[in-house]
Structures are given as structure tokens and as C-alpha cells.
Amino acid sequence: MTLEDSRTASTPVPTAPAVDRRTGSVIALLVASAFVVILNETIMSVALPRLMNDLAITASTAQWLTTGFMLTMAVVIPLTGFLLARFPLRNIYFTAMGLFTAGTLIAALSPGFEVLLAGRIVQASGTAIMMPLLFTTVLTIVPATHRGRMMGVISIVIAVAPAIGPTVSGIILSALDWRWMFWLVLPIAVLAIALGAVWVRNVTETVPATLDVPSVILSALGFGGLIFGLSSIGEAASGHAPVPVWIPLVVGAASLITFVVRQIRLQKTDAALLDLRTFRSRTFSLAVSLVVVVFAALFGSLVLLPIYLQQVLGLDTLAVGLMLLPGGILMGVIAPIVGSLFDRFGPTPLVIPGMAVAAAALWGMATFDEGTTVAWVIAVHVALNLGLGFVFTPLMTSALGSLPRHLYPHGSAIVGTIQQVAGAAGTALFVTLMSVQAAASASRGADAVAATADGVHAAFLVGAIIATAAAGLALFVRKPVEPSDAVPGDAPAFAH
């Protein structure tokens, strides 16, 4: 089956590629709403050390407030292809923001870790719907010639919002209880719902669609099992693993393999939860591979750096938040510029130096120890954000722009899922490596500070090695083919 004859019946029908004032206001509100909900993805990172003390939990347990958020998104995002096809945009928007608002209220009222985690999961359920909704809306109504610029704006949401999350939480925690991280967000979420009632209109058409329940179950078991297994390695190092580590890893891997096989079979009748024909595009496949490394590095470092700065260098939450702010601001400033450069020159001259700088920054982080200066930490963090800032927009625009229009919702769902799985895996991997190495150092007689420093070094060293290997793949990134109902010249990556 070729892409020419594989139009799926379960996706929104594209509208005319013209952005008028009405649709422009819809995109503006979607971007602003997405920024708020994505900001909460990493807002807990600086708060983890305080939460560990207040709630009497370990670092490996506390990381679930971030990992659980991303894991929930990875489970829910595959459903968005169906949701975008079956329901009007207004309905989906209010569902997403309603869930996020409810989760924020639950977290603000939480008396302990379990209820707080539940609130984060409800928050994530709404967040998961928002990003594919934004992607699909933009891809549907924005002409290809301006897509890089618009994706540059979206990069501010998916990259900068998580990057400044630690800064926001650091400022709040310097004066208020950790619950205020949610109380202050709550009125903003309510305002977004109110504005949505006025501005949001249905700019896509709905079509009949069916939901394959076994695929949903396999997706949840697959992604959930792998991330739970990775996180359990860290808990096992501190003696708190609830089940043997190999069980969730095996269940997750087996479920994902079964999920992929089922999707390949179902997509022949356009009934797949995630249509894997997106991977027929070499451009899409390569870009998604690099997205895995980029998001793992971003979220892993966003979780590990606050732990290092507070537990090794002894800084307070406000200082940590302010130290991470320059990198987040820089990423926001360059995102629209990178988008414009992409429209003119394509991804190659942006992704190659970007990946090189990001890899070099991770090597710099691998030098962190008990005597590292604050200036060096800030410089390396800024360099990492600079490199990643040159990579985000080109990779996502190349990936999604290489697909035919009828695969936009599936492509958006796949990219969103990959982002969250990569972020969760990066968080779990970095914290696990830190925990394992710290436990080993402590067993050899190192004090708590020295042991944590050793763990941080080991985690960033592995991250640097992976990023260096991925930088080689950047050499093969090319400008995407003009979107159509075919992907000329792209050989299939999956055989039917």
C-alpha cells in the first residue's frame, strides 16, 4: 500500500491554508494555553529537594512527580489522533483545559504525595491533548512557506516553557509554600477557559472515527512499563523498588512490540491508533530519532541540575531558579529567529551546529563536582539551551512537514508521544544513574555531598556520550518534501 492510496478516514479534513483574524486568534490562544500547561511539566524540579523533606520521600520517588506527568502524557497523546478526528476543536479545547484546571486544584489541595501525584496525572491528561491540538491546527491552516516561523513560536511553548519551569518554581518557593505553585496557576487556567468560550472556533471538520481499545491498552502497558522499569532501577539502588526491575521492562518491551505489529495490521484498513506510515518518510524517521536524544537531554538535565545545585553546591531554591533563567530566556529569544532561518535555509545548517554545541555542553556538565563555580554552571547551561534552541524547530518542522496532509494528526500524536517518552526516559535515566553511582560511592565511604556529586558526574557523562553519537545523525537531516498526499523519494521504513 502506498501513501497515495492510504488516506485515513480518521483525521480532520484540512481547511484552506489562509490565516485570517479569526483563526489567528484561535492559534494565539492555543499557544498561550499550551505555554501555561507545558510550563507545569517541569515546575516541580526545583521543588523536589523540599518535597523530599516535607513528604519524607526519596529522590527516586519524588521524581515521579515529573516522570509521572510525562508518562501520563505519553499514554494519552496516542489517543489524540482519534479525538481530533471525532470531536470539534472547541470540545477538545475545553476538555483539555478542564482536566488541567481540575488537576491543578487537586494538587493545590493535596495533603501528601499520593494526592499530589494524582493531581499531576490529571493535569497531564489535559496537557497531553493540548500540544497535538496546537500542532494539527497550525499544520492545517498555516502555509508551508511560513510554517518554520510559526513552529519557531511553538518551540517557545514546548522548549522554553519547560526550561523556565524551574525558575518560576524557584521564585515561588523562595517566599511561599510549594502548594502556591498550583494556586498561582489556577486563575490563569480558569481565564484560558473563559477566553476560549469567546475566541475558540472550529477550524477543522470532524469525520467518523473508531477507537481500537486493544491498541490503547497495549500503548499504556508499553510506554508505562518501560518508564516504570527505568525509574525502578533508581529506587532499587536505594532499596525501595516495589517490584523486580526486569518485570516492568519485559512487559513494556513486549507490549510495545505487540502494539507496533497491531498498528501495521490495522493501518491497512485505516483503523490504527497511530498510523506508522508516517515512518515511510526518511526525514520524519531521522528527525524523530534526534528528538528522542534532544528531549532526553533537556528533561534529564532540568531534573538533575536543581538536585546538584541544592544538594552539592548548597544553593537555595531562588538562586537555583535564577541560575536556570538565562538559558530559558535565550531559547525563547532565538526560537522565532531559528524558525525564520529554517524557512530560508532549511534544517541542515541549523541542526548540525546545534547538536554539536548541545553535546559539548553536556561534556561540560560532566565536569561538575563539589568545587564547580556558579559562573561555569550558568555558562554550560546557557550553551546547552543555545544548542537545543537551534535543534527544536528544524527537527519538528522537518518531521511534520515531510508528511502528507492526511497524516498530520498521526504525525503530531507520534511526535508528541516520542517527546514525552524521551523526556520521561531521560529523567528516569539521569536520576537512575545518579542514584546508582551515589549509592556505590557512599558504600565506599564517601559522604553524602561527595556521593551525590559522583552520581551527577556519571549521569551527565553518559548523556554526553549519547548526545555525541546523535550529533553524527544530524549530518543527514534534510529539508522536508512539500506536503502532499505522497512523500516523493522517501522509502518505506515499515514493510506491509
Protein backbone atom coordinates (compact mmCIF):
# COMPACT_ATOMS: atom_id res chain seq x y z
CA MET A 1 0.00 0.00 0.00
CA THR A 2 1.42 3.39 -0.97
CA LEU A 3 0.90 6.70 0.72
CA GLU A 4 -1.04 7.91 -2.31
CA ASP A 5 -3.87 5.46 -1.62
CA SER A 6 -3.64 5.45 2.14
CA ARG A 7 -5.81 8.44 3.04
CA THR A 8 -7.06 7.82 6.50
CA ALA A 9 -10.69 8.32 7.33
CA SER A 10 -9.93 9.15 10.94
CA THR A 11 -8.34 12.59 10.57
CA PRO A 12 -9.67 16.14 10.28
CA VAL A 13 -10.22 17.49 6.79
CA PRO A 14 -7.76 20.33 6.07
CA THR A 15 -9.17 23.77 5.52
CA ALA A 16 -7.84 26.44 3.21
CA PRO A 17 -4.28 27.44 4.07
CA ALA A 18 -5.06 31.02 4.94
CA VAL A 19 -4.73 32.51 8.44
CA ASP A 20 -7.40 35.17 8.91
CA ARG A 21 -8.06 37.16 12.07
CA ARG A 22 -10.47 34.59 13.42
CA THR A 23 -8.15 31.60 13.07
CA GLY A 24 -5.24 33.77 14.15
CA SER A 25 -6.95 34.42 17.49
CA VAL A 26 -7.53 30.67 17.86
CA ILE A 27 -3.83 29.93 17.32
CA ALA A 28 -2.83 32.72 19.72
CA LEU A 29 -4.99 31.33 22.49
CA LEU A 30 -3.84 27.76 21.81
CA VAL A 31 -0.20 28.88 22.01
CA ALA A 32 -0.77 30.80 25.24
CA SER A 33 -2.76 27.97 26.81
CA ALA A 34 -0.19 25.40 25.76
CA PHE A 35 2.58 27.52 27.30
CA VAL A 36 0.81 27.52 30.66
CA VAL A 37 0.11 23.78 30.70
CA ILE A 38 3.57 22.77 29.44
CA LEU A 39 5.21 25.08 32.00
CA ASN A 40 3.86 22.75 34.67
CA GLU A 41 5.73 19.80 33.19
CA THR A 42 8.99 20.83 34.91
CA ILE A 43 7.74 23.25 37.55
CA MET A 44 8.31 20.57 40.22
CA SER A 45 12.02 20.03 39.52
CA VAL A 46 13.39 22.73 41.84
CA ALA A 47 10.82 21.77 44.47
CA LEU A 48 11.93 18.12 44.63
CA PRO A 49 14.50 18.55 47.43
CA ARG A 50 11.96 20.43 49.58
CA LEU A 51 9.25 17.88 48.81
CA MET A 52 11.65 15.08 49.78
CA ASN A 53 11.94 16.68 53.21
CA ASP A 54 8.31 17.77 53.66
CA LEU A 55 6.79 14.49 52.45
CA ALA A 56 9.60 12.16 53.69
CA ILE A 57 10.25 10.58 50.28
CA THR A 58 13.40 9.61 48.37
CA ALA A 59 14.74 11.31 45.23
CA SER A 60 13.70 8.31 43.14
CA THR A 61 10.15 8.55 44.49
CA ALA A 62 9.98 12.35 44.17
CA GLN A 63 10.99 12.22 40.51
CA TRP A 64 7.64 10.55 39.78
CA LEU A 65 6.02 13.98 40.15
CA THR A 66 7.81 14.85 36.89
CA THR A 67 8.16 11.38 35.35
CA GLY A 68 4.53 10.50 36.13
CA PHE A 69 3.41 13.72 34.44
CA MET A 70 5.33 12.91 31.26
CA LEU A 71 4.38 9.24 31.37
CA THR A 72 0.68 10.14 31.54
CA MET A 73 1.14 12.39 28.53
CA ALA A 74 2.84 9.56 26.65
CA VAL A 75 -0.14 7.30 27.35
CA VAL A 76 -2.81 9.89 26.48
CA ILE A 77 -1.21 11.54 23.42
CA PRO A 78 -1.69 8.49 21.13
CA LEU A 79 -5.45 8.94 21.67
CA THR A 80 -5.39 12.45 20.24
CA GLY A 81 -5.46 11.29 16.61
CA PHE A 82 -8.86 9.76 17.33
CA LEU A 83 -10.02 12.75 19.40
CA LEU A 84 -9.06 15.30 16.73
CA ALA A 85 -10.97 13.34 14.12
CA ARG A 86 -14.07 12.59 16.15
CA PHE A 87 -14.75 15.81 18.11
CA PRO A 88 -14.87 19.55 17.29
CA LEU A 89 -11.92 21.74 18.23
CA ARG A 90 -13.93 23.65 20.88
CA ASN A 91 -14.91 20.44 22.65
CA ILE A 92 -11.32 19.20 22.70
CA TYR A 93 -10.00 22.55 23.94
CA PHE A 94 -12.45 22.73 26.85
CA THR A 95 -11.76 19.11 27.75
CA ALA A 96 -8.01 19.73 27.80
CA MET A 97 -8.17 22.92 29.84
CA GLY A 98 -10.89 21.49 32.11
CA LEU A 99 -8.72 18.49 33.01
CA PHE A 100 -5.68 20.70 33.54
CA THR A 101 -7.63 23.08 35.79
CA ALA A 102 -9.08 20.21 37.84
CA GLY A 103 -5.64 18.64 38.26
CA THR A 104 -4.18 21.97 39.34
CA LEU A 105 -6.86 22.32 42.02
CA ILE A 106 -6.28 18.76 43.27
CA ALA A 107 -2.52 19.38 43.52
CA ALA A 108 -3.05 22.68 45.34
CA LEU A 109 -5.26 20.96 47.94
CA SER A 110 -3.11 17.81 48.27
CA PRO A 111 -2.21 16.78 51.85
CA GLY A 112 0.55 14.35 50.79
CA PHE A 113 2.48 12.68 47.99
CA GLU A 114 -0.25 10.34 46.75
CA VAL A 115 -2.87 13.05 46.20
CA LEU A 116 -0.23 15.38 44.74
CA LEU A 117 0.75 12.70 42.23
CA ALA A 118 -2.92 12.17 41.36
CA GLY A 119 -3.31 15.90 40.70
CA ARG A 120 -0.24 15.86 38.46
CA ILE A 121 -1.68 12.92 36.50
CA VAL A 122 -4.99 14.76 35.92
CA GLN A 123 -3.03 17.86 34.90
CA ALA A 124 -1.02 15.80 32.44
CA SER A 125 -4.16 14.31 30.89
CA GLY A 126 -5.22 17.79 29.81
CA THR A 127 -1.72 18.85 28.78
CA ALA A 128 -1.37 15.77 26.57
CA ILE A 129 -4.34 16.84 24.46
CA MET A 130 -3.24 20.46 24.05
CA MET A 131 0.02 20.01 22.13
CA PRO A 132 -1.27 17.74 19.30
CA LEU A 133 -4.28 20.05 19.04
CA LEU A 134 -1.94 23.01 18.54
CA PHE A 135 0.28 21.14 16.05
CA THR A 136 -2.59 19.89 13.92
CA THR A 137 -4.36 23.25 13.86
CA VAL A 138 -1.20 25.07 12.74
CA LEU A 139 -0.29 22.45 10.12
CA THR A 140 -3.82 22.62 8.72
CA ILE A 141 -4.18 26.39 8.30
CA VAL A 142 -0.62 27.80 8.01
CA PRO A 143 1.01 27.78 4.52
CA ALA A 144 4.22 25.76 4.22
CA THR A 145 6.23 28.90 3.37
CA HIS A 146 5.51 30.36 6.82
CA ARG A 147 5.50 27.12 8.77
CA GLY A 148 9.06 27.43 10.09
CA ARG A 149 8.30 30.83 11.59
CA MET A 150 5.12 29.55 13.25
CA MET A 151 6.87 26.40 14.51
CA GLY A 152 9.50 28.70 15.97
CA VAL A 153 6.76 30.30 18.06
CA ILE A 154 5.52 26.85 19.07
CA SER A 155 9.09 25.98 20.08
CA ILE A 156 8.76 28.64 22.76
CA VAL A 157 5.95 26.53 24.17
CA ILE A 158 7.49 23.06 24.02
CA ALA A 159 11.07 24.02 24.84
CA VAL A 160 11.12 27.33 26.69
CA ALA A 161 8.13 26.67 28.95
CA PRO A 162 9.76 23.54 30.44
CA ALA A 163 13.12 25.35 30.56
CA ILE A 164 11.81 28.23 32.71
CA GLY A 165 9.62 25.98 34.86
CA PRO A 166 12.43 25.59 37.43
CA THR A 167 12.91 29.38 37.52
CA VAL A 168 9.22 30.01 38.16
CA SER A 169 9.10 27.41 40.91
CA GLY A 170 12.34 28.72 42.42
CA ILE A 171 10.93 32.25 42.70
CA ILE A 172 7.67 30.98 44.20
CA LEU A 173 9.41 28.68 46.69
CA SER A 174 11.68 31.48 47.88
CA ALA A 175 8.68 33.13 49.54
CA LEU A 176 5.77 30.68 49.59
CA ASP A 177 4.79 27.09 50.29
CA TRP A 178 5.12 24.61 47.40
CA ARG A 179 1.34 24.42 47.04
CA TRP A 180 1.38 28.00 45.74
CA MET A 181 2.96 26.69 42.54
CA PHE A 182 -0.54 25.44 41.80
CA TRP A 183 -2.67 28.16 43.44
CA LEU A 184 -0.99 30.82 41.29
CA VAL A 185 -1.55 28.84 38.09
CA LEU A 186 -5.20 28.08 38.81
CA PRO A 187 -6.67 31.54 37.94
CA ILE A 188 -4.64 31.60 34.70
CA ALA A 189 -6.15 28.27 33.69
CA VAL A 190 -9.66 29.50 34.52
CA LEU A 191 -9.02 32.64 32.43
CA ALA A 192 -7.92 30.48 29.47
CA ILE A 193 -11.22 28.60 29.66
CA ALA A 194 -13.17 31.88 29.73
CA LEU A 195 -11.28 33.29 26.74
CA GLY A 196 -11.76 30.01 24.90
CA ALA A 197 -15.51 30.41 25.22
CA VAL A 198 -15.19 33.66 23.27
CA TRP A 199 -12.35 33.02 20.81
CA VAL A 200 -12.07 29.32 20.03
CA ARG A 201 -13.91 28.29 16.88
CA ASN A 202 -14.00 25.02 14.97
CA VAL A 203 -11.45 25.43 12.16
CA THR A 204 -11.31 21.71 11.32
CA GLU A 205 -14.07 19.34 10.29
CA THR A 206 -14.90 16.13 12.12
CA VAL A 207 -15.30 12.74 10.49
CA PRO A 208 -16.50 9.36 11.84
CA ALA A 209 -13.73 7.52 13.69
CA THR A 210 -13.43 4.38 15.78
CA LEU A 211 -11.16 3.72 18.73
CA ASP A 212 -9.20 0.47 18.88
CA VAL A 213 -9.29 -0.35 22.59
CA PRO A 214 -6.62 -3.12 22.48
CA SER A 215 -4.20 -0.59 20.95
CA VAL A 216 -4.89 1.83 23.79
CA ILE A 217 -4.19 -0.88 26.37
CA LEU A 218 -1.01 -2.02 24.61
CA SER A 219 0.19 1.58 24.32
CA ALA A 220 -0.34 2.20 28.04
CA LEU A 221 1.37 -1.06 29.04
CA GLY A 222 4.25 -0.48 26.64
CA PHE A 223 5.17 3.08 27.49
CA GLY A 224 4.20 2.71 31.13
CA GLY A 225 6.16 -0.50 31.61
CA LEU A 226 9.38 0.86 30.12
CA ILE A 227 9.33 4.12 32.07
CA PHE A 228 8.29 2.41 35.31
CA GLY A 229 11.13 -0.07 34.85
CA LEU A 230 13.70 2.64 34.23
CA SER A 231 12.56 4.57 37.27
CA SER A 232 12.56 1.43 39.42
CA ILE A 233 16.28 0.98 38.77
CA GLY A 234 16.91 4.15 40.77
CA GLU A 235 14.56 3.04 43.53
CA ALA A 236 16.25 -0.37 43.61
CA ALA A 237 19.58 1.35 44.24
CA SER A 238 18.12 2.92 47.39
CA GLY A 239 16.28 -0.27 48.37
CA HIS A 240 12.76 0.91 47.61
CA ALA A 241 11.86 -0.88 44.36
CA PRO A 242 8.24 -2.13 44.63
CA VAL A 243 8.74 -4.98 42.13
CA PRO A 244 11.76 -6.61 40.47
CA VAL A 245 13.04 -4.22 37.79
CA TRP A 246 13.03 -6.76 34.97
CA ILE A 247 9.25 -7.35 35.19
CA PRO A 248 8.03 -3.90 34.03
CA LEU A 249 10.84 -3.70 31.47
CA VAL A 250 9.91 -7.02 29.88
CA VAL A 251 6.18 -6.25 29.98
CA GLY A 252 6.79 -2.83 28.46
CA ALA A 253 9.02 -4.09 25.65
CA ALA A 254 6.69 -6.98 24.78
CA SER A 255 3.64 -4.68 24.80
CA LEU A 256 5.31 -2.12 22.55
CA ILE A 257 6.33 -4.78 20.04
CA THR A 258 2.78 -6.12 20.00
CA PHE A 259 1.45 -2.56 19.68
CA VAL A 260 3.62 -1.87 16.63
CA VAL A 261 2.62 -5.14 14.96
CA ARG A 262 -1.06 -4.36 15.58
CA GLN A 263 -0.75 -0.84 14.17
CA ILE A 264 0.90 -2.13 10.99
CA ARG A 265 -2.01 -4.51 10.52
CA LEU A 266 -4.76 -2.01 11.39
CA GLN A 267 -3.40 0.80 9.25
CA LYS A 268 -4.18 -1.27 6.15
CA THR A 269 -7.85 -0.55 6.91
CA ASP A 270 -7.17 2.95 8.29
CA ALA A 271 -8.10 1.82 11.81
CA ALA A 272 -4.74 2.24 13.56
CA LEU A 273 -4.48 4.25 16.77
CA LEU A 274 -1.14 5.57 15.50
CA ASP A 275 -0.62 5.28 11.74
CA LEU A 276 3.01 4.19 11.41
CA ARG A 277 3.06 5.01 7.69
CA THR A 278 4.47 8.33 8.90
CA PHE A 279 7.78 6.46 9.16
CA ARG A 280 7.80 5.90 5.39
CA SER A 281 9.39 9.33 5.33
CA ARG A 282 13.11 9.06 5.99
CA THR A 283 13.04 12.72 7.00
CA PHE A 284 10.39 12.01 9.64
CA SER A 285 12.19 8.93 10.95
CA LEU A 286 15.56 10.68 11.28
CA ALA A 287 14.10 13.79 12.88
CA VAL A 288 12.15 11.73 15.42
CA SER A 289 15.31 9.80 16.32
CA LEU A 290 17.09 13.06 17.11
CA VAL A 291 14.06 14.36 19.03
CA VAL A 292 14.49 11.40 21.40
CA VAL A 293 18.03 12.47 22.29
CA VAL A 294 17.18 16.17 22.49
CA PHE A 295 14.24 15.76 24.85
CA ALA A 296 16.04 13.19 26.99
CA ALA A 297 18.91 15.64 27.42
CA LEU A 298 16.63 18.60 28.13
CA PHE A 299 14.39 16.97 30.73
CA GLY A 300 17.15 14.89 32.29
CA SER A 301 19.27 17.99 32.86
CA LEU A 302 16.27 20.03 34.08
CA VAL A 303 15.68 17.48 36.84
CA LEU A 304 19.29 16.76 37.72
CA LEU A 305 20.66 20.32 37.78
CA PRO A 306 18.45 21.55 40.67
CA ILE A 307 19.37 18.48 42.72
CA TYR A 308 23.07 19.14 42.05
CA LEU A 309 22.86 22.86 42.75
CA GLN A 310 21.00 22.39 46.04
CA GLN A 311 22.48 19.18 47.45
CA VAL A 312 26.08 19.59 46.27
CA LEU A 313 26.65 23.35 45.94
CA GLY A 314 24.22 24.19 48.76
CA LEU A 315 22.23 26.88 46.93
CA ASP A 316 18.67 27.84 47.84
CA THR A 317 15.67 27.48 45.52
CA LEU A 318 15.62 31.14 44.46
CA ALA A 319 19.29 31.07 43.46
CA VAL A 320 18.74 27.84 41.52
CA GLY A 321 15.74 29.27 39.69
CA LEU A 322 17.61 32.44 38.75
CA MET A 323 20.64 30.47 37.55
CA LEU A 324 18.49 28.49 35.14
CA LEU A 325 16.67 31.59 33.84
CA PRO A 326 19.27 32.89 31.32
CA GLY A 327 19.21 29.63 29.36
CA GLY A 328 15.41 29.63 29.18
CA ILE A 329 15.29 33.27 28.08
CA LEU A 330 17.92 32.66 25.41
CA MET A 331 15.96 29.74 23.98
CA GLY A 332 12.83 31.90 23.81
CA VAL A 333 14.67 34.75 22.08
CA ILE A 334 16.26 32.61 19.37
CA ALA A 335 13.22 30.39 18.66
CA PRO A 336 11.48 32.77 16.20
CA ILE A 337 14.84 33.63 14.63
CA VAL A 338 15.61 29.96 14.09
CA GLY A 339 12.15 29.49 12.57
CA SER A 340 12.80 32.27 10.04
CA LEU A 341 16.22 30.83 9.22
CA PHE A 342 14.61 27.45 8.65
CA ASP A 343 12.18 28.96 6.11
CA ARG A 344 15.17 30.43 4.22
CA PHE A 345 17.88 27.79 4.51
CA GLY A 346 16.31 24.54 5.70
CA PRO A 347 17.34 22.45 8.71
CA THR A 348 20.87 21.29 7.83
CA PRO A 349 22.88 24.47 8.68
CA LEU A 350 20.95 24.78 11.95
CA VAL A 351 20.76 21.23 13.30
CA ILE A 352 24.43 20.30 12.78
CA PRO A 353 25.98 23.14 14.86
CA GLY A 354 23.09 22.95 17.33
CA MET A 355 23.69 19.28 18.12
CA ALA A 356 27.44 19.88 18.34
CA VAL A 357 27.00 22.69 20.87
CA ALA A 358 24.49 20.65 22.91
CA ALA A 359 26.86 17.67 23.05
CA ALA A 360 29.75 19.93 24.08
CA ALA A 361 27.60 21.44 26.83
CA LEU A 362 26.79 18.01 28.24
CA TRP A 363 30.52 17.22 28.28
CA GLY A 364 30.92 20.44 30.26
CA MET A 365 28.24 19.28 32.71
CA ALA A 366 30.15 16.04 33.14
CA THR A 367 32.90 18.13 34.81
CA PHE A 368 30.58 19.33 37.60
CA ASP A 369 31.83 18.47 41.11
CA GLU A 370 31.87 19.89 44.63
CA GLY A 371 34.15 22.78 43.64
CA THR A 372 32.45 23.90 40.43
CA THR A 373 31.83 27.65 40.24
CA VAL A 374 28.37 29.13 39.72
CA ALA A 375 29.61 31.02 36.65
CA TRP A 376 30.67 27.77 34.95
CA VAL A 377 27.32 26.12 35.69
CA ILE A 378 25.43 29.08 34.18
CA ALA A 379 27.71 29.19 31.12
CA VAL A 380 27.32 25.49 30.38
CA HIS A 381 23.56 25.59 30.92
CA VAL A 382 23.24 28.56 28.55
CA ALA A 383 25.31 26.68 25.96
CA LEU A 384 23.04 23.64 26.26
CA ASN A 385 19.93 25.75 25.73
CA LEU A 386 21.57 27.55 22.80
CA GLY A 387 22.36 24.26 21.09
CA LEU A 388 18.93 22.77 21.75
CA GLY A 389 17.29 26.01 20.60
CA PHE A 390 18.85 25.56 17.16
CA VAL A 391 17.60 21.99 17.01
CA PHE A 392 13.96 22.02 18.20
CA THR A 393 12.25 23.99 15.43
CA PRO A 394 14.14 22.46 12.47
CA LEU A 395 13.60 18.90 13.70
CA MET A 396 9.87 19.25 14.36
CA THR A 397 9.17 21.23 11.22
CA SER A 398 11.17 18.76 9.13
CA ALA A 399 9.42 15.78 10.70
CA LEU A 400 5.84 17.03 10.39
CA GLY A 401 6.38 18.98 7.18
CA SER A 402 7.52 15.82 5.37
CA LEU A 403 4.13 14.14 5.82
CA PRO A 404 1.06 14.26 3.56
CA ARG A 405 -1.78 16.33 5.00
CA HIS A 406 -3.98 13.41 5.97
CA LEU A 407 -1.23 12.11 8.29
CA TYR A 408 -0.77 15.40 10.18
CA PRO A 409 -2.80 14.32 13.26
CA HIS A 410 -0.97 10.96 13.42
CA GLY A 411 2.39 12.67 12.93
CA SER A 412 1.57 15.21 15.65
CA ALA A 413 0.50 12.42 18.01
CA ILE A 414 3.64 10.38 17.30
CA VAL A 415 5.99 13.33 17.76
CA GLY A 416 4.18 14.33 20.97
CA THR A 417 4.35 10.77 22.29
CA ILE A 418 8.03 10.46 21.43
CA GLN A 419 8.78 13.78 23.14
CA GLN A 420 7.17 12.70 26.38
CA VAL A 421 8.58 9.17 26.38
CA ALA A 422 12.03 10.59 25.65
CA GLY A 423 11.64 13.20 28.37
CA ALA A 424 10.43 10.64 30.88
CA ALA A 425 13.16 8.20 29.88
CA GLY A 426 15.79 10.95 30.11
CA THR A 427 14.55 11.94 33.57
CA ALA A 428 14.47 8.33 34.73
CA LEU A 429 17.87 7.56 33.17
CA PHE A 430 19.66 10.59 34.65
CA VAL A 431 18.18 10.12 38.13
CA THR A 432 18.82 6.36 37.98
CA LEU A 433 22.47 6.80 37.00
CA MET A 434 22.90 9.40 39.73
CA SER A 435 21.25 7.18 42.35
CA VAL A 436 23.23 4.07 41.41
CA GLN A 437 26.60 5.86 41.34
CA ALA A 438 25.83 7.82 44.52
CA ALA A 439 24.95 4.58 46.33
CA ALA A 440 28.17 2.98 45.10
CA SER A 441 30.25 5.97 46.26
CA ALA A 442 28.52 6.02 49.64
CA SER A 443 29.27 2.32 50.11
CA ARG A 444 32.95 3.14 49.59
CA GLY A 445 32.86 5.70 52.41
CA ALA A 446 32.09 8.96 50.58
CA ASP A 447 29.96 11.49 52.43
CA ALA A 448 26.51 12.49 51.13
CA VAL A 449 27.71 15.55 49.20
CA ALA A 450 30.62 13.76 47.52
CA ALA A 451 28.45 10.74 46.70
CA THR A 452 25.79 12.94 45.05
CA ALA A 453 28.49 14.78 43.08
CA ASP A 454 29.82 11.45 41.80
CA GLY A 455 26.32 10.44 40.77
CA VAL A 456 25.73 13.69 38.88
CA HIS A 457 29.06 13.27 37.08
CA ALA A 458 28.17 9.75 35.96
CA ALA A 459 24.73 10.79 34.69
CA PHE A 460 25.98 13.72 32.62
CA LEU A 461 28.89 11.66 31.29
CA VAL A 462 26.51 9.08 29.82
CA GLY A 463 24.32 11.89 28.47
CA ALA A 464 27.31 13.47 26.76
CA ILE A 465 28.30 10.19 25.11
CA ILE A 466 24.77 9.64 23.76
CA ALA A 467 24.50 13.23 22.51
CA THR A 468 27.85 12.98 20.75
CA ALA A 469 26.72 9.85 18.91
CA ALA A 470 23.45 11.55 17.95
CA ALA A 471 25.31 14.59 16.62
CA GLY A 472 26.55 12.37 13.80
CA LEU A 473 22.95 11.74 12.71
CA ALA A 474 22.45 15.49 12.31
CA LEU A 475 24.62 15.37 9.22
CA PHE A 476 21.82 13.56 7.38
CA VAL A 477 18.92 15.91 8.20
CA ARG A 478 17.45 17.46 5.05
CA LYS A 479 14.69 19.93 4.21
CA PRO A 480 11.29 18.19 4.07
CA VAL A 481 9.44 17.50 0.87
CA GLU A 482 6.49 19.84 0.19
CA PRO A 483 3.45 18.30 1.94
CA SER A 484 1.05 16.48 -0.36
CA ASP A 485 -0.74 13.17 -0.48
CA ALA A 486 2.58 11.47 -1.18
CA VAL A 487 6.11 11.65 0.10
CA PRO A 488 8.20 11.56 -3.08
CA GLY A 489 11.51 9.81 -2.83
CA ASP A 490 11.02 8.61 0.73
CA ALA A 491 11.39 4.86 1.00
CA PRO A 492 9.21 2.94 3.44
CA ALA A 493 10.66 2.19 6.83
CA PHE A 494 7.93 -0.34 7.61
CA ALA A 495 7.05 -3.22 5.33
CA HIS A 496 3.47 -4.33 4.93
